[in-house]
Amino acid sequence: MEMVKVYNKYNKSINLLLKWGYEVFISNTNENDEIYFDNFMWLAQKDGKIYAEKNPLRLIGVITLLKEYSPEEATEDFTEEDFDILTESYLLKPFEKK
């Protein structure tokens, strides 16, 4: 089995958001205007809605979920039954290093 690696995920995520018609912004959240990677929030705006996340990959993930599900459905927690079904559906095995 071959492991798929995708490089430059941030730029690909940003490019896809722009292709989908979002305006993408970066905001520094540090009160002292010091620039550290952890202080940035990535924002995407479209149709009067603004989405914010810590990095472009998480941002595109949230937007993709919300394209498929309503905000209520996208943020609902697993029930115990859902968790049982999920754990029965997947068999987790360690993979061999090559």
PDB file of N, CA and C in Angstrom:
ATOM      1  N   MET A   1       0.852  -1.169   0.000  1.00  0.00           N
ATOM      2  CA  MET A   1       0.000   0.000   0.000  1.00  0.00           C
ATOM      3  C   MET A   1       0.899   1.234   0.000  1.00  0.00           C
ATOM      4  N   GLU A   2       0.559   2.198  -0.815  1.00  0.00           N
ATOM      5  CA  GLU A   2       1.339   3.431  -0.913  1.00  0.00           C
ATOM      6  C   GLU A   2       0.672   4.533  -0.089  1.00  0.00           C
ATOM      7  N   MET A   3       1.466   5.228   0.713  1.00  0.00           N
ATOM      8  CA  MET A   3       0.941   6.353   1.488  1.00  0.00           C
ATOM      9  C   MET A   3       0.974   7.604   0.608  1.00  0.00           C
ATOM     10  N   VAL A   4      -0.132   8.294   0.547  1.00  0.00           N
ATOM     11  CA  VAL A   4      -0.231   9.505  -0.265  1.00  0.00           C
ATOM     12  C   VAL A   4       0.214  10.699   0.572  1.00  0.00           C
ATOM     13  N   LYS A   5       1.125  11.475   0.027  1.00  0.00           N
ATOM     14  CA  LYS A   5       1.596  12.673   0.707  1.00  0.00           C
ATOM     15  C   LYS A   5       1.241  13.881  -0.162  1.00  0.00           C
ATOM     16  N   VAL A   6       0.668  14.876   0.448  1.00  0.00           N
ATOM     17  CA  VAL A   6       0.347  16.107  -0.265  1.00  0.00           C
ATOM     18  C   VAL A   6       1.171  17.221   0.359  1.00  0.00           C
ATOM     19  N   TYR A   7       2.023  17.824  -0.437  1.00  0.00           N
ATOM     20  CA  TYR A   7       2.866  18.897   0.060  1.00  0.00           C
ATOM     21  C   TYR A   7       2.198  20.243  -0.178  1.00  0.00           C
ATOM     22  N   ASN A   8       2.613  21.225   0.569  1.00  0.00           N
ATOM     23  CA  ASN A   8       2.124  22.595   0.418  1.00  0.00           C
ATOM     24  C   ASN A   8       0.614  22.659   0.592  1.00  0.00           C
ATOM     25  N   LYS A   9       0.132  22.065   1.663  1.00  0.00           N
ATOM     26  CA  LYS A   9      -1.314  22.002   1.919  1.00  0.00           C
ATOM     27  C   LYS A   9      -1.910  23.380   2.178  1.00  0.00           C
ATOM     28  N   TYR A  10      -1.145  24.268   2.800  1.00  0.00           N
ATOM     29  CA  TYR A  10      -1.680  25.593   3.108  1.00  0.00           C
ATOM     30  C   TYR A  10      -1.997  26.359   1.830  1.00  0.00           C
ATOM     31  N   ASN A  11      -1.038  26.417   0.902  1.00  0.00           N
ATOM     32  CA  ASN A  11      -1.279  27.164  -0.339  1.00  0.00           C
ATOM     33  C   ASN A  11      -2.400  26.543  -1.160  1.00  0.00           C
ATOM     34  N   LYS A  12      -2.448  25.217  -1.196  1.00  0.00           N
ATOM     35  CA  LYS A  12      -3.533  24.542  -1.934  1.00  0.00           C
ATOM     36  C   LYS A  12      -4.889  24.881  -1.309  1.00  0.00           C
ATOM     37  N   SER A  13      -4.942  24.913   0.020  1.00  0.00           N
ATOM     38  CA  SER A  13      -6.193  25.245   0.705  1.00  0.00           C
ATOM     39  C   SER A  13      -6.623  26.671   0.390  1.00  0.00           C
ATOM     40  N   ILE A  14      -5.685  27.598   0.452  1.00  0.00           N
ATOM     41  CA  ILE A  14      -5.985  29.002   0.166  1.00  0.00           C
ATOM     42  C   ILE A  14      -6.449  29.151  -1.285  1.00  0.00           C
ATOM     43  N   ASN A  15      -5.733  28.515  -2.204  1.00  0.00           N
ATOM     44  CA  ASN A  15      -6.110  28.607  -3.616  1.00  0.00           C
ATOM     45  C   ASN A  15      -7.511  28.057  -3.868  1.00  0.00           C
ATOM     46  N   LEU A  16      -7.863  26.975  -3.192  1.00  0.00           N
ATOM     47  CA  LEU A  16      -9.199  26.399  -3.371  1.00  0.00           C
ATOM     48  C   LEU A  16     -10.270  27.322  -2.806  1.00  0.00           C
ATOM     49  N   LEU A  17     -10.007  27.934  -1.653  1.00  0.00           N
ATOM     50  CA  LEU A  17     -10.967  28.896  -1.084  1.00  0.00           C
ATOM     51  C   LEU A  17     -11.174  30.072  -2.038  1.00  0.00           C
ATOM     52  N   LEU A  18     -10.101  30.566  -2.614  1.00  0.00           N
ATOM     53  CA  LEU A  18     -10.221  31.668  -3.583  1.00  0.00           C
ATOM     54  C   LEU A  18     -11.007  31.216  -4.815  1.00  0.00           C
ATOM     55  N   LYS A  19     -10.751  30.004  -5.273  1.00  0.00           N
ATOM     56  CA  LYS A  19     -11.480  29.458  -6.426  1.00  0.00           C
ATOM     57  C   LYS A  19     -12.971  29.353  -6.128  1.00  0.00           C
ATOM     58  N   TRP A  20     -13.315  29.022  -4.868  1.00  0.00           N
ATOM     59  CA  TRP A  20     -14.717  28.920  -4.459  1.00  0.00           C
ATOM     60  C   TRP A  20     -15.355  30.291  -4.233  1.00  0.00           C
ATOM     61  N   GLY A  21     -14.598  31.369  -4.398  1.00  0.00           N
ATOM     62  CA  GLY A  21     -15.162  32.714  -4.285  1.00  0.00           C
ATOM     63  C   GLY A  21     -15.032  33.366  -2.919  1.00  0.00           C
ATOM     64  N   TYR A  22     -14.215  32.802  -2.031  1.00  0.00           N
ATOM     65  CA  TYR A  22     -14.009  33.393  -0.706  1.00  0.00           C
ATOM     66  C   TYR A  22     -12.903  34.430  -0.770  1.00  0.00           C
ATOM     67  N   GLU A  23     -13.032  35.472   0.025  1.00  0.00           N
ATOM     68  CA  GLU A  23     -11.928  36.392   0.271  1.00  0.00           C
ATOM     69  C   GLU A  23     -11.196  35.849   1.487  1.00  0.00           C
ATOM     70  N   VAL A  24      -9.880  35.757   1.419  1.00  0.00           N
ATOM     71  CA  VAL A  24      -9.092  35.163   2.499  1.00  0.00           C
ATOM     72  C   VAL A  24      -8.220  36.238   3.138  1.00  0.00           C
ATOM     73  N   PHE A  25      -8.225  36.264   4.466  1.00  0.00           N
ATOM     74  CA  PHE A  25      -7.474  37.256   5.235  1.00  0.00           C
ATOM     75  C   PHE A  25      -6.670  36.565   6.332  1.00  0.00           C
ATOM     76  N   ILE A  26      -5.634  37.248   6.795  1.00  0.00           N
ATOM     77  CA  ILE A  26      -4.878  36.807   7.966  1.00  0.00           C
ATOM     78  C   ILE A  26      -4.975  37.919   8.993  1.00  0.00           C
ATOM     79  N   SER A  27      -5.245  37.544  10.238  1.00  0.00           N
ATOM     80  CA  SER A  27      -5.351  38.527  11.310  1.00  0.00           C
ATOM     81  C   SER A  27      -4.372  38.164  12.420  1.00  0.00           C
ATOM     82  N   ASN A  28      -3.637  39.162  12.923  1.00  0.00           N
ATOM     83  CA  ASN A  28      -2.731  38.952  14.052  1.00  0.00           C
ATOM     84  C   ASN A  28      -3.533  39.163  15.328  1.00  0.00           C
ATOM     85  N   THR A  29      -3.604  38.136  16.157  1.00  0.00           N
ATOM     86  CA  THR A  29      -4.426  38.213  17.361  1.00  0.00           C
ATOM     87  C   THR A  29      -3.640  38.608  18.602  1.00  0.00           C
ATOM     88  N   ASN A  30      -2.341  38.900  18.451  1.00  0.00           N
ATOM     89  CA  ASN A  30      -1.521  39.270  19.601  1.00  0.00           C
ATOM     90  C   ASN A  30      -1.762  40.733  19.954  1.00  0.00           C
ATOM     91  N   GLU A  31      -2.074  40.993  21.207  1.00  0.00           N
ATOM     92  CA  GLU A  31      -2.378  42.360  21.646  1.00  0.00           C
ATOM     93  C   GLU A  31      -1.186  43.301  21.525  1.00  0.00           C
ATOM     94  N   ASN A  32       0.027  42.771  21.624  1.00  0.00           N
ATOM     95  CA  ASN A  32       1.233  43.603  21.562  1.00  0.00           C
ATOM     96  C   ASN A  32       1.777  43.732  20.147  1.00  0.00           C
ATOM     97  N   ASP A  33       1.044  43.268  19.171  1.00  0.00           N
ATOM     98  CA  ASP A  33       1.454  43.279  17.767  1.00  0.00           C
ATOM     99  C   ASP A  33       2.739  42.507  17.502  1.00  0.00           C
ATOM    100  N   GLU A  34       3.097  41.601  18.412  1.00  0.00           N
ATOM    101  CA  GLU A  34       4.232  40.732  18.153  1.00  0.00           C
ATOM    102  C   GLU A  34       3.773  39.672  17.156  1.00  0.00           C
ATOM    103  N   ILE A  35       4.640  39.308  16.257  1.00  0.00           N
ATOM    104  CA  ILE A  35       4.247  38.371  15.214  1.00  0.00           C
ATOM    105  C   ILE A  35       4.811  36.996  15.529  1.00  0.00           C
ATOM    106  N   TYR A  36       3.916  36.096  15.885  1.00  0.00           N
ATOM    107  CA  TYR A  36       4.243  34.696  16.105  1.00  0.00           C
ATOM    108  C   TYR A  36       3.233  33.871  15.333  1.00  0.00           C
ATOM    109  N   PHE A  37       3.659  32.733  14.848  1.00  0.00           N
ATOM    110  CA  PHE A  37       2.786  31.894  14.036  1.00  0.00           C
ATOM    111  C   PHE A  37       1.487  31.572  14.766  1.00  0.00           C
ATOM    112  N   ASP A  38       1.555  31.309  16.072  1.00  0.00           N
ATOM    113  CA  ASP A  38       0.360  30.932  16.829  1.00  0.00           C
ATOM    114  C   ASP A  38      -0.626  32.082  17.008  1.00  0.00           C
ATOM    115  N   ASN A  39      -0.227  33.300  16.693  1.00  0.00           N
ATOM    116  CA  ASN A  39      -1.108  34.453  16.890  1.00  0.00           C
ATOM    117  C   ASN A  39      -1.990  34.742  15.677  1.00  0.00           C
ATOM    118  N   PHE A  40      -1.804  34.040  14.602  1.00  0.00           N
ATOM    119  CA  PHE A  40      -2.578  34.322  13.398  1.00  0.00           C
ATOM    120  C   PHE A  40      -3.903  33.587  13.389  1.00  0.00           C
ATOM    121  N   MET A  41      -4.918  34.264  12.895  1.00  0.00           N
ATOM    122  CA  MET A  41      -6.199  33.631  12.583  1.00  0.00           C
ATOM    123  C   MET A  41      -6.411  33.810  11.082  1.00  0.00           C
ATOM    124  N   TRP A  42      -6.781  32.753  10.426  1.00  0.00           N
ATOM    125  CA  TRP A  42      -7.088  32.795   9.002  1.00  0.00           C
ATOM    126  C   TRP A  42      -8.591  32.953   8.866  1.00  0.00           C
ATOM    127  N   LEU A  43      -9.002  33.909   8.046  1.00  0.00           N
ATOM    128  CA  LEU A  43     -10.423  34.202   7.875  1.00  0.00           C
ATOM    129  C   LEU A  43     -10.802  34.082   6.406  1.00  0.00           C
ATOM    130  N   ALA A  44     -11.980  33.563   6.165  1.00  0.00           N
ATOM    131  CA  ALA A  44     -12.534  33.496   4.812  1.00  0.00           C
ATOM    132  C   ALA A  44     -13.925  34.113   4.874  1.00  0.00           C
ATOM    133  N   GLN A  45     -14.205  34.986   3.919  1.00  0.00           N
ATOM    134  CA  GLN A  45     -15.484  35.696   3.904  1.00  0.00           C
ATOM    135  C   GLN A  45     -16.180  35.492   2.569  1.00  0.00           C
ATOM    136  N   LYS A  46     -17.487  35.213   2.662  1.00  0.00           N
ATOM    137  CA  LYS A  46     -18.305  35.067   1.461  1.00  0.00           C
ATOM    138  C   LYS A  46     -19.767  35.173   1.863  1.00  0.00           C
ATOM    139  N   ASP A  47     -20.552  35.847   1.045  1.00  0.00           N
ATOM    140  CA  ASP A  47     -22.003  35.967   1.264  1.00  0.00           C
ATOM    141  C   ASP A  47     -22.341  36.496   2.656  1.00  0.00           C
ATOM    142  N   GLY A  48     -21.558  37.451   3.137  1.00  0.00           N
ATOM    143  CA  GLY A  48     -21.833  38.074   4.433  1.00  0.00           C
ATOM    144  C   GLY A  48     -21.466  37.224   5.640  1.00  0.00           C
ATOM    145  N   LYS A  49     -20.822  36.085   5.422  1.00  0.00           N
ATOM    146  CA  LYS A  49     -20.407  35.214   6.525  1.00  0.00           C
ATOM    147  C   LYS A  49     -18.888  35.174   6.597  1.00  0.00           C
ATOM    148  N   ILE A  50     -18.374  35.148   7.812  1.00  0.00           N
ATOM    149  CA  ILE A  50     -16.931  35.071   8.034  1.00  0.00           C
ATOM    150  C   ILE A  50     -16.624  33.807   8.827  1.00  0.00           C
ATOM    151  N   TYR A  51     -15.667  33.038   8.339  1.00  0.00           N
ATOM    152  CA  TYR A  51     -15.220  31.815   8.990  1.00  0.00           C
ATOM    153  C   TYR A  51     -13.786  32.040   9.454  1.00  0.00           C
ATOM    154  N   ALA A  52     -13.443  31.566  10.644  1.00  0.00           N
ATOM    155  CA  ALA A  52     -12.105  31.788  11.193  1.00  0.00           C
ATOM    156  C   ALA A  52     -11.546  30.489  11.758  1.00  0.00           C
ATOM    157  N   GLU A  53     -10.265  30.282  11.516  1.00  0.00           N
ATOM    158  CA  GLU A  53      -9.559  29.120  12.075  1.00  0.00           C
ATOM    159  C   GLU A  53      -8.085  29.460  12.227  1.00  0.00           C
ATOM    160  N   LYS A  54      -7.351  28.568  12.899  1.00  0.00           N
ATOM    161  CA  LYS A  54      -5.934  28.786  13.198  1.00  0.00           C
ATOM    162  C   LYS A  54      -5.016  28.600  11.992  1.00  0.00           C
ATOM    163  N   ASN A  55      -5.449  27.849  10.987  1.00  0.00           N
ATOM    164  CA  ASN A  55      -4.617  27.679   9.792  1.00  0.00           C
ATOM    165  C   ASN A  55      -5.523  27.401   8.595  1.00  0.00           C
ATOM    166  N   PRO A  56      -5.001  27.572   7.381  1.00  0.00           N
ATOM    167  CA  PRO A  56      -5.829  27.408   6.186  1.00  0.00           C
ATOM    168  C   PRO A  56      -6.404  26.009   6.012  1.00  0.00           C
ATOM    169  N   LEU A  57      -5.677  25.000   6.462  1.00  0.00           N
ATOM    170  CA  LEU A  57      -6.173  23.636   6.328  1.00  0.00           C
ATOM    171  C   LEU A  57      -7.400  23.402   7.202  1.00  0.00           C
ATOM    172  N   ARG A  58      -7.355  23.894   8.437  1.00  0.00           N
ATOM    173  CA  ARG A  58      -8.523  23.791   9.314  1.00  0.00           C
ATOM    174  C   ARG A  58      -9.673  24.636   8.778  1.00  0.00           C
ATOM    175  N   LEU A  59      -9.346  25.794   8.213  1.00  0.00           N
ATOM    176  CA  LEU A  59     -10.360  26.696   7.671  1.00  0.00           C
ATOM    177  C   LEU A  59     -11.119  26.035   6.526  1.00  0.00           C
ATOM    178  N   ILE A  60     -10.395  25.425   5.611  1.00  0.00           N
ATOM    179  CA  ILE A  60     -11.081  24.773   4.495  1.00  0.00           C
ATOM    180  C   ILE A  60     -11.869  23.553   4.982  1.00  0.00           C
ATOM    181  N   GLY A  61     -11.391  22.900   6.026  1.00  0.00           N
ATOM    182  CA  GLY A  61     -12.130  21.778   6.600  1.00  0.00           C
ATOM    183  C   GLY A  61     -13.472  22.210   7.161  1.00  0.00           C
ATOM    184  N   VAL A  62     -13.473  23.303   7.907  1.00  0.00           N
ATOM    185  CA  VAL A  62     -14.716  23.820   8.488  1.00  0.00           C
ATOM    186  C   VAL A  62     -15.691  24.244   7.390  1.00  0.00           C
ATOM    187  N   ILE A  63     -15.180  24.949   6.403  1.00  0.00           N
ATOM    188  CA  ILE A  63     -16.046  25.421   5.310  1.00  0.00           C
ATOM    189  C   ILE A  63     -16.613  24.240   4.521  1.00  0.00           C
ATOM    190  N   THR A  64     -15.795  23.226   4.302  1.00  0.00           N
ATOM    191  CA  THR A  64     -16.265  22.037   3.589  1.00  0.00           C
ATOM    192  C   THR A  64     -17.362  21.326   4.372  1.00  0.00           C
ATOM    193  N   LEU A  65     -17.182  21.191   5.688  1.00  0.00           N
ATOM    194  CA  LEU A  65     -18.227  20.594   6.520  1.00  0.00           C
ATOM    195  C   LEU A  65     -19.517  21.398   6.440  1.00  0.00           C
ATOM    196  N   LEU A  66     -19.397  22.721   6.491  1.00  0.00           N
ATOM    197  CA  LEU A  66     -20.591  23.570   6.484  1.00  0.00           C
ATOM    198  C   LEU A  66     -21.253  23.634   5.110  1.00  0.00           C
ATOM    199  N   LYS A  67     -20.522  23.292   4.047  1.00  0.00           N
ATOM    200  CA  LYS A  67     -21.143  23.186   2.727  1.00  0.00           C
ATOM    201  C   LYS A  67     -22.030  21.940   2.662  1.00  0.00           C
ATOM    202  N   GLU A  68     -21.670  20.937   3.427  1.00  0.00           N
ATOM    203  CA  GLU A  68     -22.383  19.660   3.406  1.00  0.00           C
ATOM    204  C   GLU A  68     -23.472  19.576   4.477  1.00  0.00           C
ATOM    205  N   TYR A  69     -23.212  20.165   5.639  1.00  0.00           N
ATOM    206  CA  TYR A  69     -24.117  20.062   6.793  1.00  0.00           C
ATOM    207  C   TYR A  69     -24.498  21.448   7.300  1.00  0.00           C
ATOM    208  N   SER A  70     -25.645  21.535   7.948  1.00  0.00           N
ATOM    209  CA  SER A  70     -26.018  22.784   8.620  1.00  0.00           C
ATOM    210  C   SER A  70     -25.086  22.970   9.808  1.00  0.00           C
ATOM    211  N   PRO A  71     -24.934  24.208  10.321  1.00  0.00           N
ATOM    212  CA  PRO A  71     -24.071  24.412  11.491  1.00  0.00           C
ATOM    213  C   PRO A  71     -24.456  23.530  12.670  1.00  0.00           C
ATOM    214  N   GLU A  72     -25.752  23.295  12.849  1.00  0.00           N
ATOM    215  CA  GLU A  72     -26.196  22.447  13.958  1.00  0.00           C
ATOM    216  C   GLU A  72     -25.721  21.007  13.768  1.00  0.00           C
ATOM    217  N   GLU A  73     -25.852  20.496  12.543  1.00  0.00           N
ATOM    218  CA  GLU A  73     -25.417  19.122  12.270  1.00  0.00           C
ATOM    219  C   GLU A  73     -23.900  18.991  12.322  1.00  0.00           C
ATOM    220  N   ALA A  74     -23.188  20.006  11.831  1.00  0.00           N
ATOM    221  CA  ALA A  74     -21.724  19.943  11.771  1.00  0.00           C
ATOM    222  C   ALA A  74     -21.093  19.980  13.149  1.00  0.00           C
ATOM    223  N   THR A  75     -21.774  20.556  14.127  1.00  0.00           N
ATOM    224  CA  THR A  75     -21.178  20.701  15.456  1.00  0.00           C
ATOM    225  C   THR A  75     -21.773  19.772  16.501  1.00  0.00           C
ATOM    226  N   GLU A  76     -22.723  18.925  16.081  1.00  0.00           N
ATOM    227  CA  GLU A  76     -23.323  18.036  17.079  1.00  0.00           C
ATOM    228  C   GLU A  76     -22.313  16.980  17.522  1.00  0.00           C
ATOM    229  N   ASP A  77     -22.405  16.579  18.767  1.00  0.00           N
ATOM    230  CA  ASP A  77     -21.500  15.577  19.315  1.00  0.00           C
ATOM    231  C   ASP A  77     -21.969  14.180  18.943  1.00  0.00           C
ATOM    232  N   PHE A  78     -21.025  13.253  18.957  1.00  0.00           N
ATOM    233  CA  PHE A  78     -21.366  11.854  18.775  1.00  0.00           C
ATOM    234  C   PHE A  78     -22.222  11.387  19.939  1.00  0.00           C
ATOM    235  N   THR A  79     -23.219  10.596  19.633  1.00  0.00           N
ATOM    236  CA  THR A  79     -23.944   9.897  20.697  1.00  0.00           C
ATOM    237  C   THR A  79     -23.171   8.616  20.991  1.00  0.00           C
ATOM    238  N   GLU A  80     -23.516   7.967  22.071  1.00  0.00           N
ATOM    239  CA  GLU A  80     -22.845   6.705  22.398  1.00  0.00           C
ATOM    240  C   GLU A  80     -23.092   5.681  21.298  1.00  0.00           C
ATOM    241  N   GLU A  81     -24.296   5.680  20.735  1.00  0.00           N
ATOM    242  CA  GLU A  81     -24.625   4.752  19.648  1.00  0.00           C
ATOM    243  C   GLU A  81     -23.785   5.047  18.401  1.00  0.00           C
ATOM    244  N   ASP A  82     -23.646   6.355  18.066  1.00  0.00           N
ATOM    245  CA  ASP A  82     -22.813   6.732  16.917  1.00  0.00           C
ATOM    246  C   ASP A  82     -21.383   6.234  17.103  1.00  0.00           C
ATOM    247  N   PHE A  83     -20.862   6.401  18.317  1.00  0.00           N
ATOM    248  CA  PHE A  83     -19.494   5.982  18.601  1.00  0.00           C
ATOM    249  C   PHE A  83     -19.345   4.474  18.463  1.00  0.00           C
ATOM    250  N   ASP A  84     -20.328   3.722  18.948  1.00  0.00           N
ATOM    251  CA  ASP A  84     -20.287   2.258  18.824  1.00  0.00           C
ATOM    252  C   ASP A  84     -20.287   1.838  17.360  1.00  0.00           C
ATOM    253  N   ILE A  85     -21.123   2.484  16.547  1.00  0.00           N
ATOM    254  CA  ILE A  85     -21.183   2.165  15.115  1.00  0.00           C
ATOM    255  C   ILE A  85     -19.849   2.498  14.456  1.00  0.00           C
ATOM    256  N   LEU A  86     -19.277   3.644  14.804  1.00  0.00           N
ATOM    257  CA  LEU A  86     -18.010   4.067  14.224  1.00  0.00           C
ATOM    258  C   LEU A  86     -16.897   3.077  14.564  1.00  0.00           C
ATOM    259  N   THR A  87     -16.817   2.692  15.822  1.00  0.00           N
ATOM    260  CA  THR A  87     -15.738   1.786  16.227  1.00  0.00           C
ATOM    261  C   THR A  87     -15.942   0.382  15.679  1.00  0.00           C
ATOM    262  N   GLU A  88     -17.166  -0.018  15.420  1.00  0.00           N
ATOM    263  CA  GLU A  88     -17.415  -1.327  14.815  1.00  0.00           C
ATOM    264  C   GLU A  88     -17.117  -1.312  13.318  1.00  0.00           C
ATOM    265  N   SER A  89     -17.193  -0.142  12.699  1.00  0.00           N
ATOM    266  CA  SER A  89     -17.022  -0.024  11.256  1.00  0.00           C
ATOM    267  C   SER A  89     -15.566  -0.017  10.819  1.00  0.00           C
ATOM    268  N   TYR A  90     -14.668   0.367  11.706  1.00  0.00           N
ATOM    269  CA  TYR A  90     -13.266   0.526  11.339  1.00  0.00           C
ATOM    270  C   TYR A  90     -12.389  -0.418  12.139  1.00  0.00           C
ATOM    271  N   LEU A  91     -11.494  -1.053  11.444  1.00  0.00           N
ATOM    272  CA  LEU A  91     -10.514  -1.899  12.086  1.00  0.00           C
ATOM    273  C   LEU A  91      -9.181  -1.166  12.001  1.00  0.00           C
ATOM    274  N   LEU A  92      -8.652  -0.789  13.119  1.00  0.00           N
ATOM    275  CA  LEU A  92      -7.393  -0.072  13.136  1.00  0.00           C
ATOM    276  C   LEU A  92      -6.253  -1.062  13.315  1.00  0.00           C
ATOM    277  N   LYS A  93      -5.315  -1.039  12.366  1.00  0.00           N
ATOM    278  CA  LYS A  93      -4.165  -1.917  12.435  1.00  0.00           C
ATOM    279  C   LYS A  93      -2.900  -1.070  12.345  1.00  0.00           C
ATOM    280  N   PRO A  94      -1.862  -1.473  13.023  1.00  0.00           N
ATOM    281  CA  PRO A  94      -0.591  -0.750  12.860  1.00  0.00           C
ATOM    282  C   PRO A  94      -0.067  -0.985  11.457  1.00  0.00           C
ATOM    283  N   PHE A  95       0.615  -0.001  10.917  1.00  0.00           N
ATOM    284  CA  PHE A  95       1.183  -0.176   9.597  1.00  0.00           C
ATOM    285  C   PHE A  95       2.673  -0.440   9.734  1.00  0.00           C
ATOM    286  N   GLU A  96       3.206  -1.125   8.734  1.00  0.00           N
ATOM    287  CA  GLU A  96       4.615  -1.480   8.748  1.00  0.00           C
ATOM    288  C   GLU A  96       5.436  -0.360   8.155  1.00  0.00           C
ATOM    289  N   LYS A  97       6.545  -0.047   8.810  1.00  0.00           N
ATOM    290  CA  LYS A  97       7.465   0.952   8.272  1.00  0.00           C
ATOM    291  C   LYS A  97       8.278   0.304   7.170  1.00  0.00           C
ATOM    292  N   LYS A  98       8.498   1.055   6.104  1.00  0.00           N
ATOM    293  CA  LYS A  98       9.294   0.517   4.983  1.00  0.00           C
ATOM    294  C   LYS A  98      10.563   1.291   4.832  1.00  0.00           C
TER     295      LYS A  98
END
